[in-house]
Every structure is written in C-alpha cells, then in structure tokens.
C-alpha cells in the first residue's frame, strides 16, 4: 500500500452526531474498539470507538464537548487507545482524563504514557494474605476494619459526610503510610476538587499524591473513563515501583451514572430503573483491577452515593457485591451531631473475624454491636413509656450504648477550621482499650457529654473541685467539702 493510500485509510468522515454519540464512516479500514479518533479544529474533539456497526461504520462516544461538529467533517484515526502519563513525575500533580495537567503548571517530563485499558491481575499473582489497614478513625478500625488491598465503600445520601471522611483518611494515612495516594474525582463538583487540592497542600501530603478529575460538567464519556485513567496510574506504582497505593474514588455512583448516559445515547435497551444492561460488567472491569498482588497492594476507599437513601437501588446493590467493607453513613446520626455519622449496625466488614482481627478485637466488637442493637430495640419503649419504666439492666444497657455512641465521635483534622476543635488520630489499641473500659462500666458515673468529640478515653479525667453552698439554697454537702466530678479535660 503506498503512502497516499495509507494516509487516506486513516481518514473518515462524520455521518451523524447525537449528543455525545458520533457515527463515523471509513472507506478502507475501520479502527478497532477503544481506538481514539480526532476531529474538529486542530483535532480538539476526541472520540473513542465503542462499537463497529459494519465494515465501514463505527460508533463512538465523545470525550470532549461536540459543539461545532457537523456531518462530513474529516476524522483522523490516532492508531491507539486513550493514554495517560505514569511515573514519579506525576506525584503532587492534578490531571484530567487525557493526562493533561490542570493545576496551571507545565506538563510533567520523564513520564511514560500507557493505555487506560488493562485486564485485572491473574489469580496466580494475587496475594491470599489478609491484613488490616488502619485509618486512625475509632469507629472504622474497631467495628468495620478495612482490608489491605481490599475495597471499602462509603455509602450514603447527599450531604452526610462522604467526601469529608475520604479527605480525613487521606490526611491520616499520609502520616503512617509510606505509599502513594491517588484521588479520583468522578463527576463531582469542581469546588470540592479545588478545596481538596488546597487542603492537601496545606497538610503537606501532596508530594505523595496524584489527583485525577473528571468533573460533573464534562461529557459522560470523560466521566466514564476517568476511573480507568486513575487506576492505570495506581497500577504503575504497584507493579513497577512495588509500593502500596491508596486509591480514593469520589464517587463510584457517578461512574455508573456516566455509563447509563453512554448506554442510553448508544441506543441500548435500559434495564431496571433505567440503568444500562451492561452495568454489572462495566463495574466489574473497573473493580477487579483493584487487587493485592505479590508486588504491592491497591487499597481502595470509594464513596457510593445511594439514590434517595434506597439501599435496594441496583447501583448500590452492584457496588456492594465488590466491597470487602461497607461503611454506611446515616442522615439521622448526622442530624444528632454524632460525627462521623456512621451507622454501626448497618456497616460491616469481611475482616471482622477472629482469624484476622484476633480474639480480643472480635470479642469487643461483638459486645459493642450487641449493646447497640439492644439499645435500638429499646428506643421504641423509651419513646412511649420513658426511660424510668425500663428494668435496671436495660437502663444500664442504654447508658452504656449512649456512652459508646459518643466515644465513637471524633474531631477531624479536615474540619478544624469549621469546628475549632483540634483533630485527633487514635490508634486501634487505644480505641479498643477505651471501648473495653466503657463496656466494663468504668465510666458509668461520667456525664455522656464528657465522652463526646474526644480522642482516647484517657482524655476523660477526674478532677477535684471545691463546692460552697449559696445562702437560701439547700446546703448540700458541708462547706468546703471536696466533691469528685468527672468531666472532659481541655
């Protein structure tokens, strides 16, 4: 084939444009699936081939806005898939789905460009060892421990604190975790991304972090592929650098939503509640690449928006099936001021077994769950008859459960500017010791508020104060007598 014919074979022409879906005709050779095509002025409109319609026509999804695209416009085949940069030069930088820097700094040098489309690691390379991944957040480490190399989901509706919890984990893990953090923003607000960048820079953890964003005003094709781009960067650090990677995804529901938009534009018949028929496959292709191998581990923490707080929604159900731990955020607990607003009874972890956590940790966690479950059953009786009508044993259960709930609140580093309370990082050992002492009724005479928003239980101390009677009132204790009062120390 001469050069002129080869050049002609690369060129196609636009047949039709329907939103983000573009049909293109090639006369000689149709490009393979996942090929990247360019059209428009200076090739600024980028299209990824999703299906071959026949021997001459392909259908693709635009990864950039399609304004100005018209029938008959020439299309160039780039002879390659979507590529992103990988390497140490990407650290402390912010990228879009194409690997272009969006932090107003020059493009990184000494990087390698890799395709975003990879298969998951084979079973022979996967590690079978189960290890706990500590976060420094009491309620998570005690009741729903995360797995190194596993996938944990933060499930909840809008405005209950998923993004705050993710940023707190980045902050905590950066101090005790020598690996790399990769933050992937799928279809989220640009304001959140900009705030996160500034917060991470101020906290000094940006040098071991890469951020990739496909924000919510971008076309569905870009939102659909940004997760694959971030995973490709994570796989480089795991497989080539042999480092552990913390991959944070906010929000995996937006990935499913982008797939739903793409599927609808492609003309596929929708399944239940309008979701794409290929949702299970698309989610599995992304999730199965997150794994613990013989060279390193990608530990993923994913925010999962639950539409209308309905956990039977197909998107939530499919996301659940991939998770080794699910952390459910409760709007009711958030309204009560119990932050982090995690529901301990709905949340669970596959790591919470005696063989992984140890006998003592498992026993304490089960005792806590039993106490909180009994309190939940008694709430209706308390609402109707009052606390006084309960038996002494039930009253003790209620008092213990309420103290545990308040002990599980924790001041965050990422919310210091809003609350004015200094953030606390609590080790698993200190968290277990505190829970065990509360379960043993060591703090039954302590006001509940003394356990609210503290770190370790040792911050609750006994101090001696002198009480003087006031004239005209019940004299109470003798003048100048010492009374022990438990309270939270400053």
Protein backbone atom coordinates (compact mmCIF):
# COMPACT_ATOMS: atom_id res chain seq x y z
CA UNK A 1 0.00 0.00 0.00
CA UNK A 2 1.52 3.37 -0.97
CA UNK A 3 1.74 6.36 1.39
CA UNK A 4 -1.17 8.22 -0.17
CA UNK A 5 -3.49 5.23 0.27
CA UNK A 6 -2.33 4.72 3.88
CA UNK A 7 -2.99 8.37 4.69
CA UNK A 8 -6.42 8.11 3.06
CA UNK A 9 -7.24 4.97 5.07
CA UNK A 10 -6.73 6.89 8.32
CA UNK A 11 -9.34 9.46 7.36
CA UNK A 12 -13.04 9.01 7.90
CA UNK A 13 -16.00 11.38 7.85
CA UNK A 14 -18.73 12.19 10.34
CA UNK A 15 -22.07 10.59 9.39
CA UNK A 16 -24.25 11.68 12.33
CA UNK A 17 -24.00 13.40 15.73
CA UNK A 18 -26.49 12.64 18.52
CA UNK A 19 -25.41 14.36 21.72
CA UNK A 20 -22.12 12.74 22.68
CA UNK A 21 -22.51 9.82 20.25
CA UNK A 22 -20.89 10.18 16.82
CA UNK A 23 -21.17 7.78 13.84
CA UNK A 24 -18.14 7.83 11.51
CA UNK A 25 -17.60 6.18 8.11
CA UNK A 26 -14.23 4.81 6.99
CA UNK A 27 -13.87 3.67 3.38
CA UNK A 28 -10.95 1.23 3.65
CA UNK A 29 -10.38 0.04 7.26
CA UNK A 30 -12.45 0.50 10.38
CA UNK A 31 -10.42 1.23 13.55
CA UNK A 32 -10.53 -1.32 16.40
CA UNK A 33 -12.63 -0.91 19.57
CA UNK A 34 -11.21 1.67 22.07
CA UNK A 35 -9.29 3.48 19.31
CA UNK A 36 -9.06 7.24 19.76
CA UNK A 37 -10.25 9.43 16.89
CA UNK A 38 -9.73 13.18 16.48
CA UNK A 39 -11.81 15.71 14.55
CA UNK A 40 -12.77 19.38 14.63
CA UNK A 41 -10.39 22.34 14.63
CA UNK A 42 -6.82 21.14 15.36
CA UNK A 43 -8.26 17.76 16.35
CA UNK A 44 -9.67 19.12 19.63
CA UNK A 45 -12.76 16.89 19.58
CA UNK A 46 -11.74 13.44 20.80
CA UNK A 47 -13.91 10.35 20.19
CA UNK A 48 -13.41 6.80 21.49
CA UNK A 49 -14.71 3.92 19.35
CA UNK A 50 -17.26 1.82 21.27
CA UNK A 51 -18.70 -0.39 18.51
CA UNK A 52 -18.18 -1.34 14.86
CA UNK A 53 -21.54 -1.12 13.10
CA UNK A 54 -20.43 -2.80 9.84
CA UNK A 55 -17.41 -2.99 7.52
CA UNK A 56 -17.27 0.77 7.07
CA UNK A 57 -19.06 2.47 10.01
CA UNK A 58 -18.13 2.83 13.69
CA UNK A 59 -19.96 4.42 16.61
CA UNK A 60 -18.01 6.32 19.25
CA UNK A 61 -18.51 8.40 22.38
CA UNK A 62 -17.09 11.92 22.51
CA UNK A 63 -14.73 12.54 25.43
CA UNK A 64 -14.88 16.31 24.82
CA UNK A 65 -17.81 18.66 24.04
CA UNK A 66 -19.10 18.25 20.46
CA UNK A 67 -20.01 21.89 19.74
CA UNK A 68 -19.23 22.74 16.14
CA UNK A 69 -19.18 19.12 14.94
CA UNK A 70 -21.07 18.62 11.66
CA UNK A 71 -21.74 15.92 9.09
CA UNK A 72 -18.99 15.37 6.55
CA UNK A 73 -16.18 16.68 8.75
CA UNK A 74 -12.92 14.68 8.39
CA UNK A 75 -11.93 12.32 11.22
CA UNK A 76 -8.37 11.08 11.88
CA UNK A 77 -7.56 7.69 13.43
CA UNK A 78 -4.73 8.05 16.01
CA UNK A 79 -3.99 4.27 15.82
CA UNK A 80 -4.02 3.96 19.60
CA UNK A 81 -6.26 3.96 22.70
CA UNK A 82 -6.66 6.64 25.37
CA UNK A 83 -3.27 7.11 27.13
CA UNK A 84 -2.27 8.67 30.46
CA UNK A 85 1.17 9.54 31.92
CA UNK A 86 2.64 7.31 34.65
CA UNK A 87 5.79 7.76 36.73
CA UNK A 88 7.15 9.60 39.76
CA UNK A 89 6.89 12.91 37.88
CA UNK A 90 3.09 12.67 38.20
CA UNK A 91 3.22 12.97 42.02
CA UNK A 92 1.78 16.19 43.54
CA UNK A 93 0.06 16.98 40.23
CA UNK A 94 -3.58 17.26 39.09
CA UNK A 95 -4.69 15.74 35.75
CA UNK A 96 -7.76 15.39 33.57
CA UNK A 97 -8.87 12.19 31.81
CA UNK A 98 -6.37 12.76 28.95
CA UNK A 99 -3.41 13.15 31.31
CA UNK A 100 -3.24 16.92 30.74
CA UNK A 101 -2.18 18.87 33.86
CA UNK A 102 -4.97 21.14 35.17
CA UNK A 103 -3.01 22.72 38.05
CA UNK A 104 -1.60 25.60 35.92
CA UNK A 105 1.87 24.05 35.93
CA UNK A 106 3.91 22.80 32.96
CA UNK A 107 3.39 19.24 31.72
CA UNK A 108 5.49 16.68 33.62
CA UNK A 109 8.64 15.37 31.92
CA UNK A 110 10.24 11.91 32.15
CA UNK A 111 6.88 10.15 32.14
CA UNK A 112 5.72 7.05 30.29
CA UNK A 113 2.36 7.01 28.53
CA UNK A 114 0.20 3.90 29.00
CA UNK A 115 -3.22 2.78 27.78
CA UNK A 116 -6.06 3.08 30.29
CA UNK A 117 -7.42 -0.31 29.19
CA UNK A 118 -5.85 -3.18 31.15
CA UNK A 119 -7.04 -6.56 32.31
CA UNK A 120 -7.14 -7.42 36.01
CA UNK A 121 -4.12 -9.25 37.51
CA UNK A 122 -4.32 -13.05 37.12
CA UNK A 123 -5.20 -15.20 40.13
CA UNK A 124 -1.65 -16.59 40.27
CA UNK A 125 -0.31 -13.09 41.07
CA UNK A 126 -2.85 -12.24 43.75
CA UNK A 127 -1.92 -12.34 47.42
CA UNK A 128 -4.02 -14.55 49.70
CA UNK A 129 -2.84 -12.90 52.93
CA UNK A 130 -5.43 -10.87 54.85
CA UNK A 131 -4.12 -7.78 56.66
CA UNK A 132 -5.86 -4.92 58.47
CA UNK A 133 -5.47 -1.40 57.07
CA UNK A 134 -5.60 1.12 59.96
CA UNK A 135 -7.21 4.52 59.35
CA UNK A 136 -6.91 6.21 62.76
CA UNK A 137 -10.72 6.62 62.93
CA UNK A 138 -12.08 4.80 66.01
CA UNK A 139 -15.44 3.53 64.78
CA UNK A 140 -14.00 2.21 61.49
CA UNK A 141 -10.95 0.46 62.99
CA UNK A 142 -12.98 -1.19 65.79
CA UNK A 143 -16.25 -2.21 64.10
CA UNK A 144 -15.55 -2.35 60.36
CA UNK A 145 -11.77 -2.80 59.82
CA UNK A 146 -10.55 -2.24 56.28
CA UNK A 147 -8.53 -4.79 54.30
CA UNK A 148 -5.11 -4.01 52.83
CA UNK A 149 -5.64 -4.46 49.11
CA UNK A 150 -9.41 -4.53 49.55
CA UNK A 151 -12.26 -2.25 48.55
CA UNK A 152 -14.24 -0.30 51.13
CA UNK A 153 -17.36 1.68 50.31
CA UNK A 154 -18.67 4.83 51.97
CA UNK A 155 -22.40 4.60 51.36
CA UNK A 156 -24.83 7.41 51.99
CA UNK A 157 -27.10 10.02 50.51
CA UNK A 158 -26.18 13.60 49.68
CA UNK A 159 -24.66 15.77 52.42
CA UNK A 160 -23.94 13.18 55.12
CA UNK A 161 -20.14 13.48 55.02
CA UNK A 162 -18.71 11.04 52.44
CA UNK A 163 -16.17 13.48 50.99
CA UNK A 164 -15.12 14.74 54.45
CA UNK A 165 -14.47 11.15 55.57
CA UNK A 166 -12.42 10.46 52.43
CA UNK A 167 -10.25 13.55 52.91
CA UNK A 168 -9.72 12.66 56.59
CA UNK A 169 -8.49 9.20 55.57
CA UNK A 170 -6.03 10.77 53.11
CA UNK A 171 -4.73 13.00 55.90
CA UNK A 172 -4.41 10.18 58.44
CA UNK A 173 -2.93 7.61 56.10
CA UNK A 174 -0.35 10.03 54.65
CA UNK A 175 1.35 10.21 58.05
CA UNK A 176 1.63 6.47 58.73
CA UNK A 177 1.52 5.09 55.17
CA UNK A 178 4.68 5.23 53.06
CA UNK A 179 2.85 4.50 49.84
CA UNK A 180 1.13 6.71 47.29
CA UNK A 181 -2.37 8.19 47.45
CA UNK A 182 -4.36 8.65 44.24
CA UNK A 183 -7.58 10.65 44.38
CA UNK A 184 -10.02 10.09 41.54
CA UNK A 185 -12.92 12.54 41.28
CA UNK A 186 -15.65 11.09 39.05
CA UNK A 187 -18.45 13.51 38.24
CA UNK A 188 -18.05 15.57 41.40
CA UNK A 189 -18.09 19.33 41.96
CA UNK A 190 -15.06 21.34 40.80
CA UNK A 191 -15.30 23.31 44.09
CA UNK A 192 -14.62 20.12 46.08
CA UNK A 193 -11.60 19.29 43.94
CA UNK A 194 -10.11 22.76 44.34
CA UNK A 195 -10.70 22.72 48.12
CA UNK A 196 -9.17 19.24 48.41
CA UNK A 197 -6.07 20.36 46.47
CA UNK A 198 -5.56 23.35 48.79
CA UNK A 199 -6.20 21.25 51.94
CA UNK A 200 -3.75 18.54 50.89
CA UNK A 201 -1.14 21.16 50.00
CA UNK A 202 -1.57 22.84 53.40
CA UNK A 203 -1.33 19.46 55.18
CA UNK A 204 1.94 18.69 53.37
CA UNK A 205 0.77 15.36 51.91
CA UNK A 206 0.60 16.42 48.25
CA UNK A 207 4.14 15.21 47.41
CA UNK A 208 2.95 11.56 47.63
CA UNK A 209 -0.36 12.10 45.92
CA UNK A 210 -1.79 12.22 42.39
CA UNK A 211 -5.22 13.72 41.65
CA UNK A 212 -7.30 12.90 38.58
CA UNK A 213 -10.60 14.68 37.90
CA UNK A 214 -13.50 14.27 35.50
CA UNK A 215 -15.91 16.81 36.92
CA UNK A 216 -19.68 16.78 36.62
CA UNK A 217 -19.97 19.31 33.77
CA UNK A 218 -17.79 17.18 31.47
CA UNK A 219 -19.29 14.82 28.84
CA UNK A 220 -20.35 11.35 30.03
CA UNK A 221 -17.51 9.75 28.04
CA UNK A 222 -14.86 11.62 30.08
CA UNK A 223 -16.57 10.73 33.37
CA UNK A 224 -16.82 7.12 32.25
CA UNK A 225 -13.07 6.82 31.53
CA UNK A 226 -11.52 8.88 34.35
CA UNK A 227 -11.68 5.92 36.76
CA UNK A 228 -9.69 3.78 34.31
CA UNK A 229 -7.13 6.59 33.95
CA UNK A 230 -6.60 6.81 37.73
CA UNK A 231 -6.33 3.01 38.01
CA UNK A 232 -3.63 2.93 35.33
CA UNK A 233 -1.56 5.39 37.39
CA UNK A 234 -2.15 3.30 40.52
CA UNK A 235 -1.11 0.09 38.75
CA UNK A 236 2.23 1.66 37.78
CA UNK A 237 3.15 2.36 41.41
CA UNK A 238 2.00 -1.12 42.47
CA UNK A 239 3.59 -3.17 39.68
CA UNK A 240 6.68 -1.13 38.67
CA UNK A 241 7.59 0.73 41.88
CA UNK A 242 6.37 -2.08 44.23
CA UNK A 243 4.65 0.43 46.50
CA UNK A 244 1.33 0.28 48.30
CA UNK A 245 -1.32 2.57 46.84
CA UNK A 246 -4.37 4.12 48.48
CA UNK A 247 -6.93 4.80 45.75
CA UNK A 248 -9.78 7.10 46.76
CA UNK A 249 -12.75 7.31 44.43
CA UNK A 250 -15.39 10.01 44.79
CA UNK A 251 -17.93 8.94 43.57
CA UNK A 252 -18.32 5.45 42.11
CA UNK A 253 -22.07 6.01 41.55
CA UNK A 254 -21.16 8.77 39.06
CA UNK A 255 -19.19 6.16 37.09
CA UNK A 256 -22.34 4.01 36.86
CA UNK A 257 -24.37 7.11 36.01
CA UNK A 258 -21.97 8.06 33.20
CA UNK A 259 -22.23 4.51 31.85
CA UNK A 260 -26.02 4.84 31.95
CA UNK A 261 -25.85 8.05 29.89
CA UNK A 262 -23.47 6.45 27.37
CA UNK A 263 -25.67 3.34 27.12
CA UNK A 264 -28.80 5.44 26.53
CA UNK A 265 -27.09 7.51 23.83
CA UNK A 266 -25.82 4.29 22.18
CA UNK A 267 -29.43 3.14 21.89
CA UNK A 268 -29.23 0.14 24.24
CA UNK A 269 -32.43 -1.08 25.88
CA UNK A 270 -32.37 0.01 29.55
CA UNK A 271 -32.82 -2.50 32.37
CA UNK A 272 -34.47 -1.96 35.78
CA UNK A 273 -34.88 1.71 36.86
CA UNK A 274 -33.27 2.87 33.63
CA UNK A 275 -29.79 1.51 34.35
CA UNK A 276 -27.68 0.15 31.48
CA UNK A 277 -27.92 -3.63 30.85
CA UNK A 278 -24.09 -3.84 30.97
CA UNK A 279 -23.74 -2.17 34.41
CA UNK A 280 -22.51 -5.32 36.16
CA UNK A 281 -19.81 -5.95 33.52
CA UNK A 282 -18.60 -2.34 33.39
CA UNK A 283 -18.32 -2.08 37.16
CA UNK A 284 -16.53 -5.45 37.41
CA UNK A 285 -13.97 -4.45 34.75
CA UNK A 286 -13.05 -1.44 36.89
CA UNK A 287 -13.23 -3.04 40.34
CA UNK A 288 -11.36 -6.26 39.54
CA UNK A 289 -8.23 -4.28 38.64
CA UNK A 290 -8.05 -3.15 42.30
CA UNK A 291 -6.16 -6.01 43.95
CA UNK A 292 -3.47 -7.12 46.38
CA UNK A 293 -0.64 -8.77 44.37
CA UNK A 294 2.82 -10.19 45.04
CA UNK A 295 4.41 -6.79 44.27
CA UNK A 296 2.13 -4.44 46.24
CA UNK A 297 -1.47 -3.59 47.00
CA UNK A 298 -4.05 -1.10 45.79
CA UNK A 299 -6.38 -0.39 48.71
CA UNK A 300 -9.47 1.43 47.53
CA UNK A 301 -11.92 3.54 49.50
CA UNK A 302 -14.91 4.56 47.41
CA UNK A 303 -17.73 6.94 48.12
CA UNK A 304 -21.03 5.48 46.89
CA UNK A 305 -23.96 7.85 46.57
CA UNK A 306 -27.16 5.97 47.34
CA UNK A 307 -30.10 7.46 45.39
CA UNK A 308 -32.85 8.58 47.79
CA UNK A 309 -31.11 6.58 50.59
CA UNK A 310 -32.53 3.41 48.97
CA UNK A 311 -30.07 0.56 49.52
CA UNK A 312 -32.07 -1.73 47.20
CA UNK A 313 -31.21 0.51 44.23
CA UNK A 314 -29.43 -1.60 41.55
CA UNK A 315 -26.38 0.73 41.57
CA UNK A 316 -25.93 0.31 45.34
CA UNK A 317 -26.54 -3.47 45.17
CA UNK A 318 -23.92 -3.98 42.43
CA UNK A 319 -21.40 -1.76 44.23
CA UNK A 320 -21.98 -3.72 47.48
CA UNK A 321 -21.03 -7.01 45.79
CA UNK A 322 -17.44 -5.82 45.19
CA UNK A 323 -16.76 -4.38 48.65
CA UNK A 324 -14.84 -6.09 51.46
CA UNK A 325 -16.12 -3.45 53.90
CA UNK A 326 -19.15 -1.18 53.71
CA UNK A 327 -19.36 1.97 55.82
CA UNK A 328 -22.95 3.24 55.84
CA UNK A 329 -23.49 6.90 56.68
CA UNK A 330 -26.74 7.79 58.43
CA UNK A 331 -28.63 11.04 57.98
CA UNK A 332 -30.29 10.52 61.39
CA UNK A 333 -26.91 10.32 63.18
CA UNK A 334 -25.71 13.38 61.29
CA UNK A 335 -28.78 15.30 62.49
CA UNK A 336 -27.95 14.26 66.08
CA UNK A 337 -24.43 15.68 65.73
CA UNK A 338 -22.74 12.26 66.00
CA UNK A 339 -19.83 12.69 63.57
CA UNK A 340 -18.58 10.72 61.74
CA UNK A 341 -22.23 9.86 61.04
CA UNK A 342 -21.55 6.12 60.55
CA UNK A 343 -24.34 3.66 61.34
CA UNK A 344 -22.51 0.88 63.25
CA UNK A 345 -25.30 -1.69 62.85
CA UNK A 346 -25.71 -1.36 59.06
CA UNK A 347 -21.95 -1.16 58.40
CA UNK A 348 -19.89 -4.34 58.21
CA UNK A 349 -16.56 -5.79 57.15
CA UNK A 350 -15.43 -9.20 55.95
CA UNK A 351 -12.26 -8.66 58.02
CA UNK A 352 -14.21 -8.72 61.32
CA UNK A 353 -13.41 -12.36 62.09
CA UNK A 354 -11.31 -13.83 64.94
CA UNK A 355 -8.78 -15.26 62.48
CA UNK A 356 -7.95 -11.81 61.04
CA UNK A 357 -8.50 -9.28 63.84
CA UNK A 358 -7.67 -11.54 66.80
CA UNK A 359 -9.91 -12.92 69.56
CA UNK A 360 -9.88 -9.81 71.79
CA UNK A 361 -10.76 -7.36 69.00
CA UNK A 362 -13.52 -9.67 67.72
CA UNK A 363 -14.99 -10.14 71.22
CA UNK A 364 -15.06 -6.39 71.95
CA UNK A 365 -16.61 -5.58 68.55
CA UNK A 366 -19.34 -8.20 69.01
CA UNK A 367 -20.12 -6.92 72.53
CA UNK A 368 -20.40 -3.36 71.18
CA UNK A 369 -22.75 -4.47 68.39
CA UNK A 370 -24.88 -6.44 70.87
CA UNK A 371 -25.14 -3.41 73.19
CA UNK A 372 -26.03 -1.01 70.37
CA UNK A 373 -28.59 -3.46 68.92
CA UNK A 374 -30.30 -3.82 72.33
CA UNK A 375 -30.43 -0.03 72.64
CA UNK A 376 -32.01 0.23 69.16
CA UNK A 377 -34.72 -2.27 70.22
CA UNK A 378 -35.41 -0.33 73.43
CA UNK A 379 -35.80 3.05 71.70
CA UNK A 380 -39.50 2.48 70.91
CA UNK A 381 -40.26 1.56 74.53
CA UNK A 382 -38.35 4.63 75.77
CA UNK A 383 -40.29 6.84 73.32
CA UNK A 384 -43.66 5.52 74.56
CA UNK A 385 -43.12 4.90 78.28
CA UNK A 386 -39.96 6.77 79.20
CA UNK A 387 -36.59 5.60 80.48
CA UNK A 388 -37.91 5.17 84.07
CA UNK A 389 -40.11 2.22 83.04
CA UNK A 390 -37.14 0.11 81.99
CA UNK A 391 -35.59 -2.52 84.24
CA UNK A 392 -32.25 -1.65 85.89
CA UNK A 393 -30.43 -4.00 83.48
CA UNK A 394 -31.98 -2.31 80.44
CA UNK A 395 -31.16 1.13 81.85
CA UNK A 396 -27.51 0.06 82.16
CA UNK A 397 -27.55 -1.13 78.54
CA UNK A 398 -28.97 2.22 77.38
CA UNK A 399 -26.39 4.19 79.40
CA UNK A 400 -23.51 2.06 78.07
CA UNK A 401 -24.74 2.31 74.45
CA UNK A 402 -25.11 6.10 74.63
CA UNK A 403 -21.58 6.44 76.01
CA UNK A 404 -20.22 4.21 73.26
CA UNK A 405 -22.01 6.30 70.62
CA UNK A 406 -20.41 9.47 71.97
CA UNK A 407 -16.99 7.87 72.33
CA UNK A 408 -17.14 6.90 68.65
CA UNK A 409 -17.42 10.58 67.66
CA UNK A 410 -14.06 12.04 66.71
CA UNK A 411 -12.76 15.52 65.82
CA UNK A 412 -11.29 15.53 62.30
CA UNK A 413 -8.20 17.36 61.06
CA UNK A 414 -10.02 18.36 57.87
CA UNK A 415 -12.84 20.08 59.81
CA UNK A 416 -10.69 22.04 62.30
CA UNK A 417 -11.43 25.32 60.51
CA UNK A 418 -15.20 24.77 60.91
CA UNK A 419 -15.41 23.27 64.41
CA UNK A 420 -12.46 24.92 66.14
CA UNK A 421 -11.63 21.51 67.71
CA UNK A 422 -8.17 20.10 67.04
CA UNK A 423 -8.25 16.83 65.06
CA UNK A 424 -7.33 13.55 66.76
CA UNK A 425 -5.69 10.39 65.38
CA UNK A 426 -6.44 7.34 67.54
CA UNK A 427 -4.58 4.02 67.26
CA UNK A 428 -6.50 0.74 67.16
CA UNK A 429 -5.05 -0.28 70.55
CA UNK A 430 -6.26 2.95 72.24
CA UNK A 431 -9.69 2.66 70.61
CA UNK A 432 -10.12 -0.95 71.79
CA UNK A 433 -8.94 -0.07 75.33
CA UNK A 434 -11.48 2.77 75.51
CA UNK A 435 -14.35 0.59 74.29
CA UNK A 436 -13.45 -2.21 76.71
CA UNK A 437 -13.37 0.19 79.69
CA UNK A 438 -16.77 1.67 78.73
CA UNK A 439 -18.26 -1.85 78.37
CA UNK A 440 -16.95 -2.67 81.86
CA UNK A 441 -18.96 0.31 83.25
CA UNK A 442 -15.81 2.15 84.32
CA UNK A 443 -17.40 5.44 83.20
CA UNK A 444 -20.98 4.84 84.36
CA UNK A 445 -20.82 7.94 86.61
CA UNK A 446 -19.41 10.12 83.84
CA UNK A 447 -21.74 12.55 82.03
CA UNK A 448 -22.32 11.41 78.43
CA UNK A 449 -21.05 14.70 77.04
CA UNK A 450 -17.61 14.06 78.60
CA UNK A 451 -17.06 11.31 76.01
CA UNK A 452 -18.21 13.44 73.07
CA UNK A 453 -15.60 14.54 70.49
CA UNK A 454 -12.53 13.22 72.27
CA UNK A 455 -9.64 11.08 71.06
CA UNK A 456 -8.55 8.41 73.54
CA UNK A 457 -10.64 7.64 76.63
CA UNK A 458 -7.77 8.89 78.84
CA UNK A 459 -8.85 12.45 77.98
CA UNK A 460 -11.72 11.97 80.45
CA UNK A 461 -10.25 12.68 83.88
CA UNK A 462 -11.46 13.06 87.47
CA UNK A 463 -10.78 16.47 88.98
CA UNK A 464 -11.48 17.72 92.48
CA UNK A 465 -13.47 20.93 92.82
CA UNK A 466 -14.49 22.78 95.95
CA UNK A 467 -18.23 23.43 96.29
CA UNK A 468 -19.50 26.25 98.54
CA UNK A 469 -23.20 26.44 99.49
CA UNK A 470 -25.16 29.52 98.46
CA UNK A 471 -27.38 31.23 101.06
CA UNK A 472 -31.07 30.42 100.86
CA UNK A 473 -30.50 27.16 98.97
CA UNK A 474 -30.28 23.56 100.08
CA UNK A 475 -26.89 23.45 101.80
CA UNK A 476 -25.99 20.10 100.18
CA UNK A 477 -22.51 18.96 101.17
CA UNK A 478 -20.67 20.56 104.07
CA UNK A 479 -18.88 23.83 103.30
CA UNK A 480 -15.54 23.44 101.55
CA UNK A 481 -16.07 19.68 101.19
CA UNK A 482 -14.47 18.06 98.18
CA UNK A 483 -16.74 16.57 95.54
CA UNK A 484 -15.47 14.39 92.69
CA UNK A 485 -16.77 15.48 89.32
CA UNK A 486 -15.93 13.70 86.08
CA UNK A 487 -15.57 15.91 83.04
CA UNK A 488 -13.79 16.22 79.78
CA UNK A 489 -10.39 17.84 80.15
CA UNK A 490 -9.45 20.57 77.73
